PDB file of all heavy atoms in Angstrom:
ATOM      1  N   PRO A   1       3.537   0.701  10.041  1.00  0.00           N
ATOM      2  CA  PRO A   1       3.590   0.664  11.511  1.00  0.00           C
ATOM      3  C   PRO A   1       3.384   2.040  12.092  1.00  0.00           C
ATOM      4  O   PRO A   1       3.500   3.051  11.392  1.00  0.00           O
ATOM      5  CB  PRO A   1       5.025   0.162  11.762  1.00  0.00           C
ATOM      6  CG  PRO A   1       5.799   0.594  10.562  1.00  0.00           C
ATOM      7  CD  PRO A   1       4.832   0.516   9.402  1.00  0.00           C
ATOM      8  N   TYR A   2       3.064   2.105  13.367  1.00  0.00           N
ATOM      9  CA  TYR A   2       2.856   3.373  14.085  1.00  0.00           C
ATOM     10  C   TYR A   2       1.685   4.162  13.479  1.00  0.00           C
ATOM     11  O   TYR A   2       1.661   5.378  13.575  1.00  0.00           O
ATOM     12  CB  TYR A   2       4.096   4.241  14.076  1.00  0.00           C
ATOM     13  CG  TYR A   2       5.395   3.522  14.270  1.00  0.00           C
ATOM     14  CD1 TYR A   2       6.320   3.439  13.253  1.00  0.00           C
ATOM     15  CD2 TYR A   2       5.678   2.908  15.486  1.00  0.00           C
ATOM     16  CE1 TYR A   2       7.529   2.766  13.449  1.00  0.00           C
ATOM     17  CE2 TYR A   2       6.896   2.230  15.674  1.00  0.00           C
ATOM     18  CZ  TYR A   2       7.799   2.166  14.647  1.00  0.00           C
ATOM     19  OH  TYR A   2       8.989   1.497  14.821  1.00  0.00           O
ATOM     20  N   ALA A   3       0.747   3.498  12.834  1.00  0.00           N
ATOM     21  CA  ALA A   3      -0.347   4.230  12.179  1.00  0.00           C
ATOM     22  C   ALA A   3      -1.667   3.529  12.520  1.00  0.00           C
ATOM     23  O   ALA A   3      -1.737   2.308  12.591  1.00  0.00           O
ATOM     24  CB  ALA A   3      -0.157   4.272  10.665  1.00  0.00           C
ATOM     25  N   SER A   4      -2.705   4.337  12.697  1.00  0.00           N
ATOM     26  CA  SER A   4      -4.025   3.774  12.971  1.00  0.00           C
ATOM     27  C   SER A   4      -4.787   3.482  11.685  1.00  0.00           C
ATOM     28  O   SER A   4      -5.741   2.703  11.666  1.00  0.00           O
ATOM     29  CB  SER A   4      -4.834   4.746  13.843  1.00  0.00           C
ATOM     30  OG  SER A   4      -4.930   6.011  13.222  1.00  0.00           O
ATOM     31  N   HIS A   5      -4.396   4.133  10.577  1.00  0.00           N
ATOM     32  CA  HIS A   5      -5.050   3.923   9.286  1.00  0.00           C
ATOM     33  C   HIS A   5      -3.991   3.590   8.246  1.00  0.00           C
ATOM     34  O   HIS A   5      -2.929   4.219   8.195  1.00  0.00           O
ATOM     35  CB  HIS A   5      -5.813   5.182   8.867  1.00  0.00           C
ATOM     36  CG  HIS A   5      -6.404   5.091   7.500  1.00  0.00           C
ATOM     37  ND1 HIS A   5      -7.412   4.207   7.184  1.00  0.00           N
ATOM     38  CD2 HIS A   5      -6.117   5.772   6.350  1.00  0.00           C
ATOM     39  CE1 HIS A   5      -7.727   4.336   5.901  1.00  0.00           C
ATOM     40  NE2 HIS A   5      -6.963   5.277   5.368  1.00  0.00           N
ATOM     41  N   ASP A   6      -4.268   2.596   7.425  1.00  0.00           N
ATOM     42  CA  ASP A   6      -3.299   2.138   6.433  1.00  0.00           C
ATOM     43  C   ASP A   6      -3.882   2.262   5.036  1.00  0.00           C
ATOM     44  O   ASP A   6      -4.487   1.337   4.515  1.00  0.00           O
ATOM     45  CB  ASP A   6      -2.896   0.688   6.711  1.00  0.00           C
ATOM     46  CG  ASP A   6      -1.703   0.241   5.913  1.00  0.00           C
ATOM     47  OD1 ASP A   6      -1.359   0.916   4.932  1.00  0.00           O
ATOM     48  OD2 ASP A   6      -1.105  -0.794   6.257  1.00  0.00           O
ATOM     49  N   ALA A   7      -3.666   3.420   4.430  1.00  0.00           N
ATOM     50  CA  ALA A   7      -4.181   3.648   3.081  1.00  0.00           C
ATOM     51  C   ALA A   7      -3.486   2.766   2.058  1.00  0.00           C
ATOM     52  O   ALA A   7      -4.095   2.322   1.068  1.00  0.00           O
ATOM     53  CB  ALA A   7      -4.008   5.126   2.692  1.00  0.00           C
ATOM     54  N   LEU A   8      -2.203   2.467   2.263  1.00  0.00           N
ATOM     55  CA  LEU A   8      -1.457   1.656   1.315  1.00  0.00           C
ATOM     56  C   LEU A   8      -2.003   0.244   1.239  1.00  0.00           C
ATOM     57  O   LEU A   8      -2.245  -0.290   0.141  1.00  0.00           O
ATOM     58  CB  LEU A   8       0.021   1.624   1.697  1.00  0.00           C
ATOM     59  CG  LEU A   8       0.939   0.753   0.836  1.00  0.00           C
ATOM     60  CD1 LEU A   8       0.854   1.138  -0.623  1.00  0.00           C
ATOM     61  CD2 LEU A   8       2.364   0.811   1.337  1.00  0.00           C
ATOM     62  N   ALA A   9      -2.233  -0.395   2.386  1.00  0.00           N
ATOM     63  CA  ALA A   9      -2.784  -1.746   2.380  1.00  0.00           C
ATOM     64  C   ALA A   9      -4.174  -1.768   1.730  1.00  0.00           C
ATOM     65  O   ALA A   9      -4.516  -2.699   1.010  1.00  0.00           O
ATOM     66  CB  ALA A   9      -2.843  -2.284   3.798  1.00  0.00           C
ATOM     67  N   ALA A  10      -4.956  -0.730   1.979  1.00  0.00           N
ATOM     68  CA  ALA A  10      -6.292  -0.654   1.384  1.00  0.00           C
ATOM     69  C   ALA A  10      -6.204  -0.631  -0.138  1.00  0.00           C
ATOM     70  O   ALA A  10      -6.987  -1.322  -0.837  1.00  0.00           O
ATOM     71  CB  ALA A  10      -7.023   0.588   1.878  1.00  0.00           C
ATOM     72  N   HIS A  11      -5.270   0.129  -0.689  1.00  0.00           N
ATOM     73  CA  HIS A  11      -5.106   0.168  -2.145  1.00  0.00           C
ATOM     74  C   HIS A  11      -4.632  -1.170  -2.671  1.00  0.00           C
ATOM     75  O   HIS A  11      -5.079  -1.622  -3.744  1.00  0.00           O
ATOM     76  CB  HIS A  11      -4.105   1.270  -2.524  1.00  0.00           C
ATOM     77  CG  HIS A  11      -4.664   2.664  -2.436  1.00  0.00           C
ATOM     78  ND1 HIS A  11      -5.752   3.079  -3.190  1.00  0.00           N
ATOM     79  CD2 HIS A  11      -4.293   3.727  -1.692  1.00  0.00           C
ATOM     80  CE1 HIS A  11      -6.022   4.338  -2.906  1.00  0.00           C
ATOM     81  NE2 HIS A  11      -5.160   4.760  -1.998  1.00  0.00           N
ATOM     82  N   ILE A  12      -3.724  -1.815  -1.972  1.00  0.00           N
ATOM     83  CA  ILE A  12      -3.197  -3.095  -2.441  1.00  0.00           C
ATOM     84  C   ILE A  12      -4.271  -4.158  -2.447  1.00  0.00           C
ATOM     85  O   ILE A  12      -4.354  -4.972  -3.375  1.00  0.00           O
ATOM     86  CB  ILE A  12      -1.993  -3.515  -1.590  1.00  0.00           C
ATOM     87  CG1 ILE A  12      -0.797  -2.595  -1.876  1.00  0.00           C
ATOM     88  CG2 ILE A  12      -1.618  -4.976  -1.834  1.00  0.00           C
ATOM     89  CD1 ILE A  12       0.399  -2.850  -1.012  1.00  0.00           C
ATOM     90  N   TRP A  13      -5.153  -4.158  -1.437  1.00  0.00           N
ATOM     91  CA  TRP A  13      -6.224  -5.136  -1.428  1.00  0.00           C
ATOM     92  C   TRP A  13      -7.206  -4.886  -2.575  1.00  0.00           C
ATOM     93  O   TRP A  13      -7.769  -5.831  -3.126  1.00  0.00           O
ATOM     94  CB  TRP A  13      -6.973  -5.108  -0.089  1.00  0.00           C
ATOM     95  CG  TRP A  13      -6.257  -5.826   1.011  1.00  0.00           C
ATOM     96  CD1 TRP A  13      -5.804  -5.296   2.167  1.00  0.00           C
ATOM     97  CD2 TRP A  13      -5.925  -7.213   1.044  1.00  0.00           C
ATOM     98  NE1 TRP A  13      -5.185  -6.254   2.944  1.00  0.00           N
ATOM     99  CE2 TRP A  13      -5.257  -7.447   2.275  1.00  0.00           C
ATOM    100  CE3 TRP A  13      -6.107  -8.281   0.172  1.00  0.00           C
ATOM    101  CZ2 TRP A  13      -4.773  -8.707   2.630  1.00  0.00           C
ATOM    102  CZ3 TRP A  13      -5.623  -9.542   0.520  1.00  0.00           C
ATOM    103  CH2 TRP A  13      -4.974  -9.736   1.741  1.00  0.00           C
ATOM    104  N   ARG A  14      -7.405  -3.637  -2.947  1.00  0.00           N
ATOM    105  CA  ARG A  14      -8.333  -3.325  -4.039  1.00  0.00           C
ATOM    106  C   ARG A  14      -7.716  -3.565  -5.409  1.00  0.00           C
ATOM    107  O   ARG A  14      -8.397  -4.047  -6.324  1.00  0.00           O
ATOM    108  CB  ARG A  14      -8.808  -1.872  -3.946  1.00  0.00           C
ATOM    109  CG  ARG A  14      -9.799  -1.606  -2.839  1.00  0.00           C
ATOM    110  CD  ARG A  14     -10.522  -0.281  -3.050  1.00  0.00           C
ATOM    111  NE  ARG A  14      -9.585   0.845  -3.060  1.00  0.00           N
ATOM    112  CZ  ARG A  14      -9.269   1.572  -1.999  1.00  0.00           C
ATOM    113  NH1 ARG A  14      -9.816   1.272  -0.813  1.00  0.00           N
ATOM    114  NH2 ARG A  14      -8.438   2.584  -2.054  1.00  0.00           N
ATOM    115  N   GLU A  15      -6.429  -3.212  -5.575  1.00  0.00           N
ATOM    116  CA  GLU A  15      -5.845  -3.182  -6.915  1.00  0.00           C
ATOM    117  C   GLU A  15      -4.725  -4.199  -7.118  1.00  0.00           C
ATOM    118  O   GLU A  15      -4.252  -4.371  -8.242  1.00  0.00           O
ATOM    119  CB  GLU A  15      -5.259  -1.784  -7.173  1.00  0.00           C
ATOM    120  CG  GLU A  15      -6.251  -0.658  -6.952  1.00  0.00           C
ATOM    121  CD  GLU A  15      -5.567   0.619  -6.474  1.00  0.00           C
ATOM    122  OE1 GLU A  15      -4.317   0.698  -6.586  1.00  0.00           O
ATOM    123  OE2 GLU A  15      -6.267   1.536  -6.005  1.00  0.00           O
ATOM    124  N   GLY A  16      -4.285  -4.852  -6.053  1.00  0.00           N
ATOM    125  CA  GLY A  16      -3.138  -5.725  -6.162  1.00  0.00           C
ATOM    126  C   GLY A  16      -1.846  -4.909  -6.036  1.00  0.00           C
ATOM    127  O   GLY A  16      -1.865  -3.691  -5.829  1.00  0.00           O
ATOM    128  N   MET A  17      -0.730  -5.595  -6.197  1.00  0.00           N
ATOM    129  CA  MET A  17       0.582  -4.936  -6.061  1.00  0.00           C
ATOM    130  C   MET A  17       0.965  -4.339  -7.417  1.00  0.00           C
ATOM    131  O   MET A  17       1.828  -4.843  -8.140  1.00  0.00           O
ATOM    132  CB  MET A  17       1.621  -5.922  -5.561  1.00  0.00           C
ATOM    133  CG  MET A  17       2.893  -5.255  -5.059  1.00  0.00           C
ATOM    134  SD  MET A  17       2.661  -4.190  -3.618  1.00  0.00           S
ATOM    135  CE  MET A  17       2.834  -5.396  -2.290  1.00  0.00           C
ATOM    136  N   SER A  18       0.325  -3.235  -7.771  1.00  0.00           N
ATOM    137  CA  SER A  18       0.651  -2.522  -8.991  1.00  0.00           C
ATOM    138  C   SER A  18       2.050  -1.928  -8.863  1.00  0.00           C
ATOM    139  O   SER A  18       2.603  -1.833  -7.754  1.00  0.00           O
ATOM    140  CB  SER A  18      -0.357  -1.398  -9.234  1.00  0.00           C
ATOM    141  OG  SER A  18      -0.241  -0.401  -8.236  1.00  0.00           O
ATOM    142  N   PRO A  19       2.692  -1.518  -9.970  1.00  0.00           N
ATOM    143  CA  PRO A  19       4.020  -0.881  -9.869  1.00  0.00           C
ATOM    144  C   PRO A  19       4.046   0.298  -8.919  1.00  0.00           C
ATOM    145  O   PRO A  19       5.007   0.446  -8.139  1.00  0.00           O
ATOM    146  CB  PRO A  19       4.314  -0.454 -11.304  1.00  0.00           C
ATOM    147  CG  PRO A  19       3.563  -1.435 -12.144  1.00  0.00           C
ATOM    148  CD  PRO A  19       2.287  -1.705 -11.377  1.00  0.00           C
ATOM    149  N   GLU A  20       3.019   1.135  -8.940  1.00  0.00           N
ATOM    150  CA  GLU A  20       2.974   2.306  -8.051  1.00  0.00           C
ATOM    151  C   GLU A  20       2.844   1.874  -6.595  1.00  0.00           C
ATOM    152  O   GLU A  20       3.533   2.415  -5.709  1.00  0.00           O
ATOM    153  CB  GLU A  20       1.821   3.219  -8.436  1.00  0.00           C
ATOM    154  CG  GLU A  20       1.946   3.838  -9.822  1.00  0.00           C
ATOM    155  CD  GLU A  20       1.613   2.882 -10.950  1.00  0.00           C
ATOM    156  OE1 GLU A  20       0.917   1.872 -10.699  1.00  0.00           O
ATOM    157  OE2 GLU A  20       2.073   3.124 -12.093  1.00  0.00           O
ATOM    158  N   ASN A  21       1.988   0.876  -6.323  1.00  0.00           N
ATOM    159  CA  ASN A  21       1.848   0.392  -4.959  1.00  0.00           C
ATOM    160  C   ASN A  21       3.117  -0.300  -4.481  1.00  0.00           C
ATOM    161  O   ASN A  21       3.504  -0.173  -3.328  1.00  0.00           O
ATOM    162  CB  ASN A  21       0.668  -0.579  -4.864  1.00  0.00           C
ATOM    163  CG  ASN A  21      -0.675   0.119  -4.985  1.00  0.00           C
ATOM    164  OD1 ASN A  21      -0.775   1.332  -4.741  1.00  0.00           O
ATOM    165  ND2 ASN A  21      -1.703  -0.625  -5.336  1.00  0.00           N
ATOM    166  N   LEU A  22       3.766  -1.034  -5.393  1.00  0.00           N
ATOM    167  CA  LEU A  22       5.005  -1.729  -5.013  1.00  0.00           C
ATOM    168  C   LEU A  22       6.102  -0.734  -4.673  1.00  0.00           C
ATOM    169  O   LEU A  22       6.802  -0.892  -3.657  1.00  0.00           O
ATOM    170  CB  LEU A  22       5.463  -2.641  -6.150  1.00  0.00           C
ATOM    171  CG  LEU A  22       6.814  -3.358  -5.924  1.00  0.00           C
ATOM    172  CD1 LEU A  22       6.764  -4.226  -4.687  1.00  0.00           C
ATOM    173  CD2 LEU A  22       7.193  -4.165  -7.141  1.00  0.00           C
ATOM    174  N   LEU A  23       6.271   0.315  -5.486  1.00  0.00           N
ATOM    175  CA  LEU A  23       7.306   1.284  -5.198  1.00  0.00           C
ATOM    176  C   LEU A  23       7.052   1.990  -3.861  1.00  0.00           C
ATOM    177  O   LEU A  23       7.973   2.180  -3.063  1.00  0.00           O
ATOM    178  CB  LEU A  23       7.401   2.332  -6.315  1.00  0.00           C
ATOM    179  CG  LEU A  23       8.459   3.430  -6.111  1.00  0.00           C
ATOM    180  CD1 LEU A  23       9.839   2.821  -5.987  1.00  0.00           C
ATOM    181  CD2 LEU A  23       8.399   4.458  -7.232  1.00  0.00           C
ATOM    182  N   LEU A  24       5.798   2.338  -3.595  1.00  0.00           N
ATOM    183  CA  LEU A  24       5.484   2.991  -2.333  1.00  0.00           C
ATOM    184  C   LEU A  24       5.747   2.032  -1.171  1.00  0.00           C
ATOM    185  O   LEU A  24       6.274   2.451  -0.120  1.00  0.00           O
ATOM    186  CB  LEU A  24       4.033   3.468  -2.315  1.00  0.00           C
ATOM    187  CG  LEU A  24       3.624   4.294  -1.100  1.00  0.00           C
ATOM    188  CD1 LEU A  24       4.527   5.514  -0.912  1.00  0.00           C
ATOM    189  CD2 LEU A  24       2.166   4.749  -1.250  1.00  0.00           C
ATOM    190  N   TYR A  25       5.403   0.767  -1.337  1.00  0.00           N
ATOM    191  CA  TYR A  25       5.670  -0.208  -0.280  1.00  0.00           C
ATOM    192  C   TYR A  25       7.161  -0.367  -0.040  1.00  0.00           C
ATOM    193  O   TYR A  25       7.603  -0.470   1.123  1.00  0.00           O
ATOM    194  CB  TYR A  25       5.069  -1.573  -0.657  1.00  0.00           C
ATOM    195  CG  TYR A  25       5.497  -2.676   0.261  1.00  0.00           C
ATOM    196  CD1 TYR A  25       5.188  -2.667   1.603  1.00  0.00           C
ATOM    197  CD2 TYR A  25       6.261  -3.742  -0.232  1.00  0.00           C
ATOM    198  CE1 TYR A  25       5.619  -3.684   2.465  1.00  0.00           C
ATOM    199  CE2 TYR A  25       6.690  -4.764   0.614  1.00  0.00           C
ATOM    200  CZ  TYR A  25       6.371  -4.720   1.946  1.00  0.00           C
ATOM    201  OH  TYR A  25       6.801  -5.709   2.772  1.00  0.00           O
ATOM    202  N   LEU A  26       7.968  -0.382  -1.099  1.00  0.00           N
ATOM    203  CA  LEU A  26       9.414  -0.505  -0.920  1.00  0.00           C
ATOM    204  C   LEU A  26       9.997   0.731  -0.242  1.00  0.00           C
ATOM    205  O   LEU A  26      10.957   0.623   0.549  1.00  0.00           O
ATOM    206  CB  LEU A  26      10.077  -0.723  -2.279  1.00  0.00           C
ATOM    207  CG  LEU A  26       9.769  -2.073  -2.946  1.00  0.00           C
ATOM    208  CD1 LEU A  26      10.395  -2.136  -4.329  1.00  0.00           C
ATOM    209  CD2 LEU A  26      10.219  -3.247  -2.095  1.00  0.00           C
ATOM    210  N   CYS A  27       9.448   1.907  -0.538  1.00  0.00           N
ATOM    211  CA  CYS A  27       9.875   3.098   0.179  1.00  0.00           C
ATOM    212  C   CYS A  27       9.508   2.999   1.662  1.00  0.00           C
ATOM    213  O   CYS A  27      10.315   3.329   2.543  1.00  0.00           O
ATOM    214  CB  CYS A  27       9.234   4.347  -0.449  1.00  0.00           C
ATOM    215  SG  CYS A  27       9.872   4.807  -2.079  1.00  0.00           S
TER     216      CYS A  27
END
């Protein structure tokens, strides 16, 4: 939220919810 660009969502769409993406999302 409060962002015009979402690098995290872009990675998740490309790679799925990997452990690294999941931890960053939980943070």
